[in-house]
PDB file of N, CA and C in Angstrom:
ATOM      1  N   MET A   1       0.814  -1.195   0.000  1.00  0.00           N
ATOM      2  CA  MET A   1       0.000   0.000   0.000  1.00  0.00           C
ATOM      3  C   MET A   1       0.863   1.267   0.000  1.00  0.00           C
ATOM      4  N   THR A   2       1.978   1.218   0.704  1.00  0.00           N
ATOM      5  CA  THR A   2       2.816   2.406   0.802  1.00  0.00           C
ATOM      6  C   THR A   2       3.406   2.810  -0.542  1.00  0.00           C
ATOM      7  N   GLN A   3       3.531   1.866  -1.467  1.00  0.00           N
ATOM      8  CA  GLN A   3       4.095   2.190  -2.782  1.00  0.00           C
ATOM      9  C   GLN A   3       3.168   3.098  -3.589  1.00  0.00           C
ATOM     10  N   LYS A   4       1.941   3.247  -3.159  1.00  0.00           N
ATOM     11  CA  LYS A   4       0.986   4.127  -3.837  1.00  0.00           C
ATOM     12  C   LYS A   4       1.185   5.600  -3.477  1.00  0.00           C
ATOM     13  N   VAL A   5       1.990   5.878  -2.470  1.00  0.00           N
ATOM     14  CA  VAL A   5       2.068   7.230  -1.907  1.00  0.00           C
ATOM     15  C   VAL A   5       3.364   7.917  -2.309  1.00  0.00           C
ATOM     16  N   THR A   6       3.240   9.168  -2.716  1.00  0.00           N
ATOM     17  CA  THR A   6       4.371  10.024  -3.043  1.00  0.00           C
ATOM     18  C   THR A   6       4.230  11.328  -2.275  1.00  0.00           C
ATOM     19  N   LEU A   7       5.319  11.775  -1.672  1.00  0.00           N
ATOM     20  CA  LEU A   7       5.342  13.093  -1.025  1.00  0.00           C
ATOM     21  C   LEU A   7       6.094  14.049  -1.925  1.00  0.00           C
ATOM     22  N   ARG A   8       5.555  15.254  -2.065  1.00  0.00           N
ATOM     23  CA  ARG A   8       6.190  16.244  -2.929  1.00  0.00           C
ATOM     24  C   ARG A   8       6.071  17.626  -2.304  1.00  0.00           C
ATOM     25  N   ARG A   9       7.129  18.381  -2.389  1.00  0.00           N
ATOM     26  CA  ARG A   9       7.132  19.761  -1.890  1.00  0.00           C
ATOM     27  C   ARG A   9       6.557  20.677  -2.969  1.00  0.00           C
ATOM     28  N   GLU A  10       5.657  21.558  -2.546  1.00  0.00           N
ATOM     29  CA  GLU A  10       5.079  22.579  -3.420  1.00  0.00           C
ATOM     30  C   GLU A  10       5.149  23.899  -2.680  1.00  0.00           C
ATOM     31  N   ASP A  11       5.786  24.880  -3.264  1.00  0.00           N
ATOM     32  CA  ASP A  11       5.956  26.152  -2.574  1.00  0.00           C
ATOM     33  C   ASP A  11       4.749  27.073  -2.654  1.00  0.00           C
ATOM     34  N   HIS A  12       3.911  26.902  -3.652  1.00  0.00           N
ATOM     35  CA  HIS A  12       2.798  27.839  -3.841  1.00  0.00           C
ATOM     36  C   HIS A  12       1.469  27.098  -3.853  1.00  0.00           C
ATOM     37  N   LEU A  13       1.048  26.668  -2.673  1.00  0.00           N
ATOM     38  CA  LEU A  13      -0.245  26.010  -2.522  1.00  0.00           C
ATOM     39  C   LEU A  13      -1.206  26.962  -1.831  1.00  0.00           C
ATOM     40  N   PRO A  14      -2.396  27.136  -2.370  1.00  0.00           N
ATOM     41  CA  PRO A  14      -3.375  27.954  -1.650  1.00  0.00           C
ATOM     42  C   PRO A  14      -3.880  27.194  -0.433  1.00  0.00           C
ATOM     43  N   MET A  15      -3.835  27.819   0.726  1.00  0.00           N
ATOM     44  CA  MET A  15      -4.296  27.183   1.955  1.00  0.00           C
ATOM     45  C   MET A  15      -5.816  27.285   2.034  1.00  0.00           C
ATOM     46  N   PRO A  16      -6.479  26.184   2.371  1.00  0.00           N
ATOM     47  CA  PRO A  16      -7.944  26.249   2.479  1.00  0.00           C
ATOM     48  C   PRO A  16      -8.368  27.123   3.658  1.00  0.00           C
ATOM     49  N   LEU A  17      -9.511  27.722   3.525  1.00  0.00           N
ATOM     50  CA  LEU A  17     -10.033  28.578   4.590  1.00  0.00           C
ATOM     51  C   LEU A  17     -10.847  27.713   5.549  1.00  0.00           C
ATOM     52  N   ILE A  18     -10.123  27.004   6.394  1.00  0.00           N
ATOM     53  CA  ILE A  18     -10.760  26.132   7.373  1.00  0.00           C
ATOM     54  C   ILE A  18     -10.141  26.408   8.733  1.00  0.00           C
ATOM     55  N   TYR A  19     -10.907  26.121   9.772  1.00  0.00           N
ATOM     56  CA  TYR A  19     -10.360  26.180  11.116  1.00  0.00           C
ATOM     57  C   TYR A  19     -10.670  24.852  11.777  1.00  0.00           C
ATOM     58  N   LEU A  20      -9.640  24.195  12.246  1.00  0.00           N
ATOM     59  CA  LEU A  20      -9.794  22.915  12.909  1.00  0.00           C
ATOM     60  C   LEU A  20      -9.073  22.998  14.241  1.00  0.00           C
ATOM     61  N   ALA A  21      -9.696  22.514  15.284  1.00  0.00           N
ATOM     62  CA  ALA A  21      -9.187  22.722  16.632  1.00  0.00           C
ATOM     63  C   ALA A  21      -8.114  21.730  17.074  1.00  0.00           C
ATOM     64  N   ALA A  22      -8.001  20.595  16.379  1.00  0.00           N
ATOM     65  CA  ALA A  22      -7.074  19.565  16.834  1.00  0.00           C
ATOM     66  C   ALA A  22      -6.568  18.750  15.647  1.00  0.00           C
ATOM     67  N   PRO A  23      -5.431  18.098  15.799  1.00  0.00           N
ATOM     68  CA  PRO A  23      -4.917  17.252  14.716  1.00  0.00           C
ATOM     69  C   PRO A  23      -5.926  16.197  14.258  1.00  0.00           C
ATOM     70  N   GLU A  24      -6.708  15.662  15.173  1.00  0.00           N
ATOM     71  CA  GLU A  24      -7.712  14.659  14.807  1.00  0.00           C
ATOM     72  C   GLU A  24      -8.785  15.240  13.888  1.00  0.00           C
ATOM     73  N   ASP A  25      -9.130  16.507  14.104  1.00  0.00           N
ATOM     74  CA  ASP A  25     -10.081  17.187  13.213  1.00  0.00           C
ATOM     75  C   ASP A  25      -9.489  17.322  11.818  1.00  0.00           C
ATOM     76  N   LEU A  26      -8.220  17.667  11.761  1.00  0.00           N
ATOM     77  CA  LEU A  26      -7.550  17.785  10.466  1.00  0.00           C
ATOM     78  C   LEU A  26      -7.508  16.440   9.756  1.00  0.00           C
ATOM     79  N   ALA A  27      -7.210  15.391  10.484  1.00  0.00           N
ATOM     80  CA  ALA A  27      -7.159  14.059   9.889  1.00  0.00           C
ATOM     81  C   ALA A  27      -8.518  13.672   9.310  1.00  0.00           C
ATOM     82  N   ARG A  28      -9.582  13.933  10.059  1.00  0.00           N
ATOM     83  CA  ARG A  28     -10.930  13.627   9.547  1.00  0.00           C
ATOM     84  C   ARG A  28     -11.244  14.455   8.305  1.00  0.00           C
ATOM     85  N   TRP A  29     -10.838  15.715   8.303  1.00  0.00           N
ATOM     86  CA  TRP A  29     -11.068  16.579   7.142  1.00  0.00           C
ATOM     87  C   TRP A  29     -10.318  16.042   5.928  1.00  0.00           C
ATOM     88  N   CYS A  30      -9.066  15.636   6.121  1.00  0.00           N
ATOM     89  CA  CYS A  30      -8.263  15.089   5.020  1.00  0.00           C
ATOM     90  C   CYS A  30      -8.910  13.834   4.444  1.00  0.00           C
ATOM     91  N   VAL A  31      -9.339  12.937   5.314  1.00  0.00           N
ATOM     92  CA  VAL A  31      -9.985  11.703   4.860  1.00  0.00           C
ATOM     93  C   VAL A  31     -11.282  12.019   4.126  1.00  0.00           C
ATOM     94  N   SER A  32     -12.028  13.005   4.598  1.00  0.00           N
ATOM     95  CA  SER A  32     -13.278  13.365   3.904  1.00  0.00           C
ATOM     96  C   SER A  32     -12.982  13.887   2.502  1.00  0.00           C
ATOM     97  N   GLN A  33     -11.878  14.610   2.337  1.00  0.00           N
ATOM     98  CA  GLN A  33     -11.491  15.098   1.013  1.00  0.00           C
ATOM     99  C   GLN A  33     -11.139  13.932   0.082  1.00  0.00           C
ATOM    100  N   LEU A  34     -10.413  12.965   0.605  1.00  0.00           N
ATOM    101  CA  LEU A  34     -10.054  11.784  -0.193  1.00  0.00           C
ATOM    102  C   LEU A  34     -11.300  10.981  -0.559  1.00  0.00           C
ATOM    103  N   ALA A  35     -12.204  10.804   0.401  1.00  0.00           N
ATOM    104  CA  ALA A  35     -13.435  10.051   0.141  1.00  0.00           C
ATOM    105  C   ALA A  35     -14.274  10.741  -0.933  1.00  0.00           C
ATOM    106  N   TRP A  36     -14.363  12.064  -0.855  1.00  0.00           N
ATOM    107  CA  TRP A  36     -15.124  12.807  -1.863  1.00  0.00           C
ATOM    108  C   TRP A  36     -14.526  12.607  -3.247  1.00  0.00           C
ATOM    109  N   SER A  37     -13.195  12.655  -3.333  1.00  0.00           N
ATOM    110  CA  SER A  37     -12.538  12.452  -4.631  1.00  0.00           C
ATOM    111  C   SER A  37     -12.832  11.066  -5.186  1.00  0.00           C
ATOM    112  N   LEU A  38     -12.786  10.057  -4.328  1.00  0.00           N
ATOM    113  CA  LEU A  38     -13.113   8.698  -4.783  1.00  0.00           C
ATOM    114  C   LEU A  38     -14.560   8.609  -5.258  1.00  0.00           C
ATOM    115  N   GLU A  39     -15.469   9.238  -4.530  1.00  0.00           N
ATOM    116  CA  GLU A  39     -16.881   9.235  -4.925  1.00  0.00           C
ATOM    117  C   GLU A  39     -17.092   9.880  -6.286  1.00  0.00           C
ATOM    118  N   GLN A  40     -16.217  10.823  -6.634  1.00  0.00           N
ATOM    119  CA  GLN A  40     -16.312  11.499  -7.931  1.00  0.00           C
ATOM    120  C   GLN A  40     -15.669  10.677  -9.040  1.00  0.00           C
ATOM    121  N   GLY A  41     -15.136   9.517  -8.707  1.00  0.00           N
ATOM    122  CA  GLY A  41     -14.542   8.637  -9.707  1.00  0.00           C
ATOM    123  C   GLY A  41     -13.042   8.782  -9.878  1.00  0.00           C
ATOM    124  N   GLU A  42     -12.422   9.649  -9.099  1.00  0.00           N
ATOM    125  CA  GLU A  42     -10.972   9.809  -9.192  1.00  0.00           C
ATOM    126  C   GLU A  42     -10.287   8.614  -8.543  1.00  0.00           C
ATOM    127  N   ARG A  43      -9.202   8.175  -9.142  1.00  0.00           N
ATOM    128  CA  ARG A  43      -8.425   7.069  -8.580  1.00  0.00           C
ATOM    129  C   ARG A  43      -6.998   7.504  -8.239  1.00  0.00           C
ATOM    130  N   SER A  44      -6.549   8.595  -8.839  1.00  0.00           N
ATOM    131  CA  SER A  44      -5.266   9.207  -8.487  1.00  0.00           C
ATOM    132  C   SER A  44      -5.581  10.398  -7.595  1.00  0.00           C
ATOM    133  N   LEU A  45      -5.352  10.249  -6.319  1.00  0.00           N
ATOM    134  CA  LEU A  45      -5.765  11.241  -5.340  1.00  0.00           C
ATOM    135  C   LEU A  45      -4.625  12.189  -4.991  1.00  0.00           C
ATOM    136  N   THR A  46      -4.992  13.369  -4.568  1.00  0.00           N
ATOM    137  CA  THR A  46      -4.026  14.375  -4.127  1.00  0.00           C
ATOM    138  C   THR A  46      -4.511  14.962  -2.811  1.00  0.00           C
ATOM    139  N   LEU A  47      -3.575  15.150  -1.902  1.00  0.00           N
ATOM    140  CA  LEU A  47      -3.877  15.763  -0.618  1.00  0.00           C
ATOM    141  C   LEU A  47      -2.869  16.869  -0.378  1.00  0.00           C
ATOM    142  N   SER A  48      -3.348  18.058  -0.064  1.00  0.00           N
ATOM    143  CA  SER A  48      -2.471  19.185   0.241  1.00  0.00           C
ATOM    144  C   SER A  48      -2.343  19.328   1.744  1.00  0.00           C
ATOM    145  N   CYS A  49      -1.103  19.465   2.220  1.00  0.00           N
ATOM    146  CA  CYS A  49      -0.830  19.593   3.651  1.00  0.00           C
ATOM    147  C   CYS A  49      -0.100  20.907   3.908  1.00  0.00           C
ATOM    148  N   PHE A  50      -0.458  21.556   5.015  1.00  0.00           N
ATOM    149  CA  PHE A  50       0.014  22.900   5.324  1.00  0.00           C
ATOM    150  C   PHE A  50       0.562  22.967   6.732  1.00  0.00           C
ATOM    151  N   ASP A  51       1.224  24.074   7.010  1.00  0.00           N
ATOM    152  CA  ASP A  51       1.652  24.362   8.377  1.00  0.00           C
ATOM    153  C   ASP A  51       0.399  24.656   9.190  1.00  0.00           C
ATOM    154  N   THR A  52       0.244  23.980  10.291  1.00  0.00           N
ATOM    155  CA  THR A  52      -0.984  24.088  11.081  1.00  0.00           C
ATOM    156  C   THR A  52      -0.852  25.037  12.270  1.00  0.00           C
ATOM    157  N   ALA A  53       0.248  25.759  12.363  1.00  0.00           N
ATOM    158  CA  ALA A  53       0.440  26.678  13.496  1.00  0.00           C
ATOM    159  C   ALA A  53      -0.701  27.681  13.603  1.00  0.00           C
ATOM    160  N   SER A  54      -1.207  28.151  12.485  1.00  0.00           N
ATOM    161  CA  SER A  54      -2.305  29.120  12.520  1.00  0.00           C
ATOM    162  C   SER A  54      -3.606  28.507  13.030  1.00  0.00           C
ATOM    163  N   MET A  55      -3.682  27.178  13.052  1.00  0.00           N
ATOM    164  CA  MET A  55      -4.862  26.487  13.581  1.00  0.00           C
ATOM    165  C   MET A  55      -4.728  26.240  15.083  1.00  0.00           C
ATOM    166  N   GLY A  56      -3.541  26.505  15.625  1.00  0.00           N
ATOM    167  CA  GLY A  56      -3.348  26.364  17.054  1.00  0.00           C
ATOM    168  C   GLY A  56      -2.581  25.136  17.499  1.00  0.00           C
ATOM    169  N   PHE A  57      -2.046  24.381  16.542  1.00  0.00           N
ATOM    170  CA  PHE A  57      -1.225  23.230  16.904  1.00  0.00           C
ATOM    171  C   PHE A  57      -0.102  23.096  15.877  1.00  0.00           C
ATOM    172  N   PRO A  58       1.079  22.674  16.327  1.00  0.00           N
ATOM    173  CA  PRO A  58       2.220  22.593  15.414  1.00  0.00           C
ATOM    174  C   PRO A  58       2.068  21.444  14.410  1.00  0.00           C
ATOM    175  N   VAL A  59       2.668  21.639  13.266  1.00  0.00           N
ATOM    176  CA  VAL A  59       2.588  20.637  12.212  1.00  0.00           C
ATOM    177  C   VAL A  59       3.154  19.296  12.690  1.00  0.00           C
ATOM    178  N   GLU A  60       4.126  19.325  13.575  1.00  0.00           N
ATOM    179  CA  GLU A  60       4.719  18.082  14.078  1.00  0.00           C
ATOM    180  C   GLU A  60       3.711  17.230  14.835  1.00  0.00           C
ATOM    181  N   LYS A  61       2.689  17.852  15.423  1.00  0.00           N
ATOM    182  CA  LYS A  61       1.627  17.091  16.092  1.00  0.00           C
ATOM    183  C   LYS A  61       0.583  16.593  15.096  1.00  0.00           C
ATOM    184  N   ALA A  62       0.401  17.327  14.018  1.00  0.00           N
ATOM    185  CA  ALA A  62      -0.596  16.948  13.023  1.00  0.00           C
ATOM    186  C   ALA A  62      -0.132  15.803  12.130  1.00  0.00           C
ATOM    187  N   VAL A  63       1.140  15.796  11.786  1.00  0.00           N
ATOM    188  CA  VAL A  63       1.649  14.848  10.787  1.00  0.00           C
ATOM    189  C   VAL A  63       1.352  13.388  11.119  1.00  0.00           C
ATOM    190  N   PRO A  64       1.723  12.872  12.297  1.00  0.00           N
ATOM    191  CA  PRO A  64       1.474  11.442  12.534  1.00  0.00           C
ATOM    192  C   PRO A  64      -0.009  11.082  12.523  1.00  0.00           C
ATOM    193  N   VAL A  65      -0.849  11.991  12.998  1.00  0.00           N
ATOM    194  CA  VAL A  65      -2.286  11.732  13.030  1.00  0.00           C
ATOM    195  C   VAL A  65      -2.845  11.704  11.609  1.00  0.00           C
ATOM    196  N   VAL A  66      -2.429  12.675  10.796  1.00  0.00           N
ATOM    197  CA  VAL A  66      -2.903  12.742   9.413  1.00  0.00           C
ATOM    198  C   VAL A  66      -2.403  11.532   8.621  1.00  0.00           C
ATOM    199  N   LEU A  67      -1.122  11.215   8.723  1.00  0.00           N
ATOM    200  CA  LEU A  67      -0.596  10.080   7.957  1.00  0.00           C
ATOM    201  C   LEU A  67      -1.268   8.767   8.347  1.00  0.00           C
ATOM    202  N   LYS A  68      -1.503   8.556   9.626  1.00  0.00           N
ATOM    203  CA  LYS A  68      -2.184   7.320  10.042  1.00  0.00           C
ATOM    204  C   LYS A  68      -3.587   7.251   9.462  1.00  0.00           C
ATOM    205  N   ALA A  69      -4.334   8.343   9.544  1.00  0.00           N
ATOM    206  CA  ALA A  69      -5.697   8.364   9.005  1.00  0.00           C
ATOM    207  C   ALA A  69      -5.704   8.137   7.502  1.00  0.00           C
ATOM    208  N   VAL A  70      -4.767   8.751   6.814  1.00  0.00           N
ATOM    209  CA  VAL A  70      -4.684   8.610   5.360  1.00  0.00           C
ATOM    210  C   VAL A  70      -4.320   7.174   4.983  1.00  0.00           C
ATOM    211  N   MET A  71      -3.364   6.582   5.689  1.00  0.00           N
ATOM    212  CA  MET A  71      -2.989   5.203   5.381  1.00  0.00           C
ATOM    213  C   MET A  71      -4.126   4.240   5.705  1.00  0.00           C
ATOM    214  N   ASP A  72      -4.832   4.446   6.810  1.00  0.00           N
ATOM    215  CA  ASP A  72      -5.996   3.623   7.117  1.00  0.00           C
ATOM    216  C   ASP A  72      -7.031   3.735   6.006  1.00  0.00           C
ATOM    217  N   PHE A  73      -7.241   4.948   5.504  1.00  0.00           N
ATOM    218  CA  PHE A  73      -8.179   5.159   4.400  1.00  0.00           C
ATOM    219  C   PHE A  73      -7.740   4.383   3.167  1.00  0.00           C
ATOM    220  N   LEU A  74      -6.460   4.439   2.823  1.00  0.00           N
ATOM    221  CA  LEU A  74      -5.981   3.727   1.641  1.00  0.00           C
ATOM    222  C   LEU A  74      -6.133   2.217   1.791  1.00  0.00           C
ATOM    223  N   TYR A  75      -5.868   1.694   2.974  1.00  0.00           N
ATOM    224  CA  TYR A  75      -6.055   0.259   3.206  1.00  0.00           C
ATOM    225  C   TYR A  75      -7.524  -0.130   3.065  1.00  0.00           C
ATOM    226  N   ASP A  76      -8.424   0.742   3.472  1.00  0.00           N
ATOM    227  CA  ASP A  76      -9.860   0.464   3.373  1.00  0.00           C
ATOM    228  C   ASP A  76     -10.416   0.709   1.972  1.00  0.00           C
ATOM    229  N   HIS A  77      -9.658   1.393   1.122  1.00  0.00           N
ATOM    230  CA  HIS A  77     -10.120   1.739  -0.233  1.00  0.00           C
ATOM    231  C   HIS A  77      -9.060   1.353  -1.263  1.00  0.00           C
ATOM    232  N   PRO A  78      -8.915   0.082  -1.536  1.00  0.00           N
ATOM    233  CA  PRO A  78      -7.883  -0.355  -2.483  1.00  0.00           C
ATOM    234  C   PRO A  78      -8.109   0.143  -3.912  1.00  0.00           C
ATOM    235  N   GLU A  79      -9.292   0.665  -4.194  1.00  0.00           N
ATOM    236  CA  GLU A  79      -9.545   1.211  -5.530  1.00  0.00           C
ATOM    237  C   GLU A  79      -8.740   2.479  -5.794  1.00  0.00           C
ATOM    238  N   ALA A  80      -8.248   3.118  -4.748  1.00  0.00           N
ATOM    239  CA  ALA A  80      -7.366   4.281  -4.932  1.00  0.00           C
ATOM    240  C   ALA A  80      -6.042   3.770  -5.502  1.00  0.00           C
ATOM    241  N   GLU A  81      -5.687   4.269  -6.663  1.00  0.00           N
ATOM    242  CA  GLU A  81      -4.481   3.788  -7.341  1.00  0.00           C
ATOM    243  C   GLU A  81      -3.214   4.458  -6.850  1.00  0.00           C
ATOM    244  N   ARG A  82      -3.322   5.724  -6.472  1.00  0.00           N
ATOM    245  CA  ARG A  82      -2.148   6.441  -5.951  1.00  0.00           C
ATOM    246  C   ARG A  82      -2.600   7.658  -5.185  1.00  0.00           C
ATOM    247  N   LEU A  83      -1.690   8.122  -4.336  1.00  0.00           N
ATOM    248  CA  LEU A  83      -1.924   9.333  -3.559  1.00  0.00           C
ATOM    249  C   LEU A  83      -0.665  10.173  -3.593  1.00  0.00           C
ATOM    250  N   THR A  84      -0.808  11.418  -3.976  1.00  0.00           N
ATOM    251  CA  THR A  84       0.283  12.374  -3.919  1.00  0.00           C
ATOM    252  C   THR A  84      -0.022  13.342  -2.786  1.00  0.00           C
ATOM    253  N   ILE A  85       0.897  13.416  -1.835  1.00  0.00           N
ATOM    254  CA  ILE A  85       0.756  14.358  -0.726  1.00  0.00           C
ATOM    255  C   ILE A  85       1.619  15.571  -1.047  1.00  0.00           C
ATOM    256  N   LEU A  86       0.961  16.690  -1.279  1.00  0.00           N
ATOM    257  CA  LEU A  86       1.651  17.934  -1.575  1.00  0.00           C
ATOM    258  C   LEU A  86       1.896  18.663  -0.266  1.00  0.00           C
ATOM    259  N   CYS A  87       3.133  19.004  -0.010  1.00  0.00           N
ATOM    260  CA  CYS A  87       3.521  19.667   1.236  1.00  0.00           C
ATOM    261  C   CYS A  87       3.865  21.116   0.942  1.00  0.00           C
ATOM    262  N   ALA A  88       3.197  22.024   1.639  1.00  0.00           N
ATOM    263  CA  ALA A  88       3.361  23.454   1.408  1.00  0.00           C
ATOM    264  C   ALA A  88       4.642  23.955   2.065  1.00  0.00           C
ATOM    265  N   GLY A  89       5.702  24.011   1.299  1.00  0.00           N
ATOM    266  CA  GLY A  89       6.957  24.559   1.792  1.00  0.00           C
ATOM    267  C   GLY A  89       7.888  23.527   2.393  1.00  0.00           C
ATOM    268  N   GLU A  90       9.099  23.981   2.649  1.00  0.00           N
ATOM    269  CA  GLU A  90      10.171  23.107   3.122  1.00  0.00           C
ATOM    270  C   GLU A  90       9.902  22.526   4.501  1.00  0.00           C
ATOM    271  N   SER A  91       9.438  23.322   5.461  1.00  0.00           N
ATOM    272  CA  SER A  91       9.254  22.809   6.818  1.00  0.00           C
ATOM    273  C   SER A  91       8.151  21.755   6.876  1.00  0.00           C
ATOM    274  N   VAL A  92       7.089  21.954   6.139  1.00  0.00           N
ATOM    275  CA  VAL A  92       6.006  20.963   6.108  1.00  0.00           C
ATOM    276  C   VAL A  92       6.492  19.696   5.411  1.00  0.00           C
ATOM    277  N   TYR A  93       7.223  19.860   4.318  1.00  0.00           N
ATOM    278  CA  TYR A  93       7.766  18.707   3.611  1.00  0.00           C
ATOM    279  C   TYR A  93       8.706  17.911   4.519  1.00  0.00           C
ATOM    280  N   ARG A  94       9.582  18.605   5.250  1.00  0.00           N
ATOM    281  CA  ARG A  94      10.498  17.913   6.169  1.00  0.00           C
ATOM    282  C   ARG A  94       9.738  17.144   7.240  1.00  0.00           C
ATOM    283  N   ALA A  95       8.708  17.746   7.811  1.00  0.00           N
ATOM    284  CA  ALA A  95       7.934  17.089   8.865  1.00  0.00           C
ATOM    285  C   ALA A  95       7.231  15.841   8.330  1.00  0.00           C
ATOM    286  N   TYR A  96       6.587  15.956   7.173  1.00  0.00           N
ATOM    287  CA  TYR A  96       5.897  14.801   6.608  1.00  0.00           C
ATOM    288  C   TYR A  96       6.887  13.732   6.154  1.00  0.00           C
ATOM    289  N   SER A  97       7.993  14.142   5.549  1.00  0.00           N
ATOM    290  CA  SER A  97       8.998  13.171   5.102  1.00  0.00           C
ATOM    291  C   SER A  97       9.597  12.403   6.270  1.00  0.00           C
ATOM    292  N   LEU A  98       9.900  13.105   7.352  1.00  0.00           N
ATOM    293  CA  LEU A  98      10.469  12.455   8.524  1.00  0.00           C
ATOM    294  C   LEU A  98       9.536  11.358   9.039  1.00  0.00           C
ATOM    295  N   HIS A  99       8.279  11.703   9.259  1.00  0.00           N
ATOM    296  CA  HIS A  99       7.330  10.719   9.774  1.00  0.00           C
ATOM    297  C   HIS A  99       7.063   9.613   8.760  1.00  0.00           C
ATOM    298  N   TRP A 100       7.001   9.964   7.496  1.00  0.00           N
ATOM    299  CA  TRP A 100       6.799   8.941   6.468  1.00  0.00           C
ATOM    300  C   TRP A 100       7.950   7.936   6.490  1.00  0.00           C
ATOM    301  N   ASN A 101       9.176   8.452   6.527  1.00  0.00           N
ATOM    302  CA  ASN A 101      10.337   7.569   6.517  1.00  0.00           C
ATOM    303  C   ASN A 101      10.425   6.706   7.767  1.00  0.00           C
ATOM    304  N   ILE A 102      10.011   7.241   8.907  1.00  0.00           N
ATOM    305  CA  ILE A 102      10.048   6.462  10.144  1.00  0.00           C
ATOM    306  C   ILE A 102       9.005   5.348  10.122  1.00  0.00           C
ATOM    307  N   TRP A 103       7.781   5.662   9.730  1.00  0.00           N
ATOM    308  CA  TRP A 103       6.676   4.719   9.904  1.00  0.00           C
ATOM    309  C   TRP A 103       6.260   3.959   8.657  1.00  0.00           C
ATOM    310  N   TYR A 104       6.423   4.539   7.471  1.00  0.00           N
ATOM    311  CA  TYR A 104       5.784   3.937   6.301  1.00  0.00           C
ATOM    312  C   TYR A 104       6.704   3.608   5.129  1.00  0.00           C
ATOM    313  N   ALA A 105       7.862   4.215   5.051  1.00  0.00           N
ATOM    314  CA  ALA A 105       8.726   3.992   3.882  1.00  0.00           C
ATOM    315  C   ALA A 105       9.120   2.519   3.788  1.00  0.00           C
ATOM    316  N   PRO A 106       9.059   1.941   2.585  1.00  0.00           N
ATOM    317  CA  PRO A 106       9.425   0.531   2.435  1.00  0.00           C
ATOM    318  C   PRO A 106      10.918   0.294   2.669  1.00  0.00           C
ATOM    319  N   TYR A 107      11.711   1.324   2.546  1.00  0.00           N
ATOM    320  CA  TYR A 107      13.136   1.254   2.879  1.00  0.00           C
ATOM    321  C   TYR A 107      13.501   2.563   3.551  1.00  0.00           C
ATOM    322  N   LYS A 108      14.519   2.532   4.344  1.00  0.00           N
ATOM    323  CA  LYS A 108      14.938   3.727   5.064  1.00  0.00           C
ATOM    324  C   LYS A 108      16.052   4.420   4.280  1.00  0.00           C
ATOM    325  N   PRO A 109      15.927   5.726   4.052  1.00  0.00           N
ATOM    326  CA  PRO A 109      16.963   6.435   3.305  1.00  0.00           C
ATOM    327  C   PRO A 109      18.261   6.498   4.103  1.00  0.00           C
ATOM    328  N   ARG A 110      19.362   6.533   3.389  1.00  0.00           N
ATOM    329  CA  ARG A 110      20.658   6.682   4.048  1.00  0.00           C
ATOM    330  C   ARG A 110      20.793   8.098   4.569  1.00  0.00           C
ATOM    331  N   HIS A 111      21.460   8.209   5.691  1.00  0.00           N
ATOM    332  CA  HIS A 111      21.722   9.521   6.277  1.00  0.00           C
ATOM    333  C   HIS A 111      23.224   9.729   6.273  1.00  0.00           C
ATOM    334  N   ASP A 112      23.630  10.886   5.827  1.00  0.00           N
ATOM    335  CA  ASP A 112      25.051  11.217   5.817  1.00  0.00           C
ATOM    336  C   ASP A 112      25.522  11.361   7.251  1.00  0.00           C
ATOM    337  N   GLN A 113      26.504  10.546   7.619  1.00  0.00           N
ATOM    338  CA  GLN A 113      27.002  10.567   8.993  1.00  0.00           C
ATOM    339  C   GLN A 113      27.898  11.759   9.245  1.00  0.00           C
ATOM    340  N   GLY A 114      28.612  12.215   8.233  1.00  0.00           N
ATOM    341  CA  GLY A 114      29.420  13.410   8.360  1.00  0.00           C
ATOM    342  C   GLY A 114      30.639  13.252   9.257  1.00  0.00           C
ATOM    343  N   ASP A 115      30.506  12.585  10.393  1.00  0.00           N
ATOM    344  CA  ASP A 115      31.606  12.470  11.318  1.00  0.00           C
ATOM    345  C   ASP A 115      32.242  11.083  11.305  1.00  0.00           C
ATOM    346  N   GLY A 116      31.879  10.284  10.314  1.00  0.00           N
ATOM    347  CA  GLY A 116      32.492   8.973  10.174  1.00  0.00           C
ATOM    348  C   GLY A 116      31.884   7.897  11.044  1.00  0.00           C
ATOM    349  N   LEU A 117      30.867   8.199  11.794  1.00  0.00           N
ATOM    350  CA  LEU A 117      30.227   7.198  12.650  1.00  0.00           C
ATOM    351  C   LEU A 117      29.246   6.369  11.892  1.00  0.00           C
TER     352      LEU A 117
END
């Protein structure tokens, strides 16, 4: 299932005009967007992710909740052929990539040790 997912950095994403009080609310909103796309017949899905500081919680708290909800959705909906997660800017991309690599990546990327360790 994880092979269906791609993370990509996008610098110019319009942020939706929504207010959500908690990471769990954001996760439910994201899943509802994916479900709506599937209902419309789309099989290549896209999800835009943003810095959530303006919603009152840091993106680092939102990422694991959103990724878990999204992966649960994909497991429950095998008709989805692929999902591209667009990350608004470098910090959001880093946060999502870190959690993706820890929990979902089929292989772990090499990290430059720099100090020979």
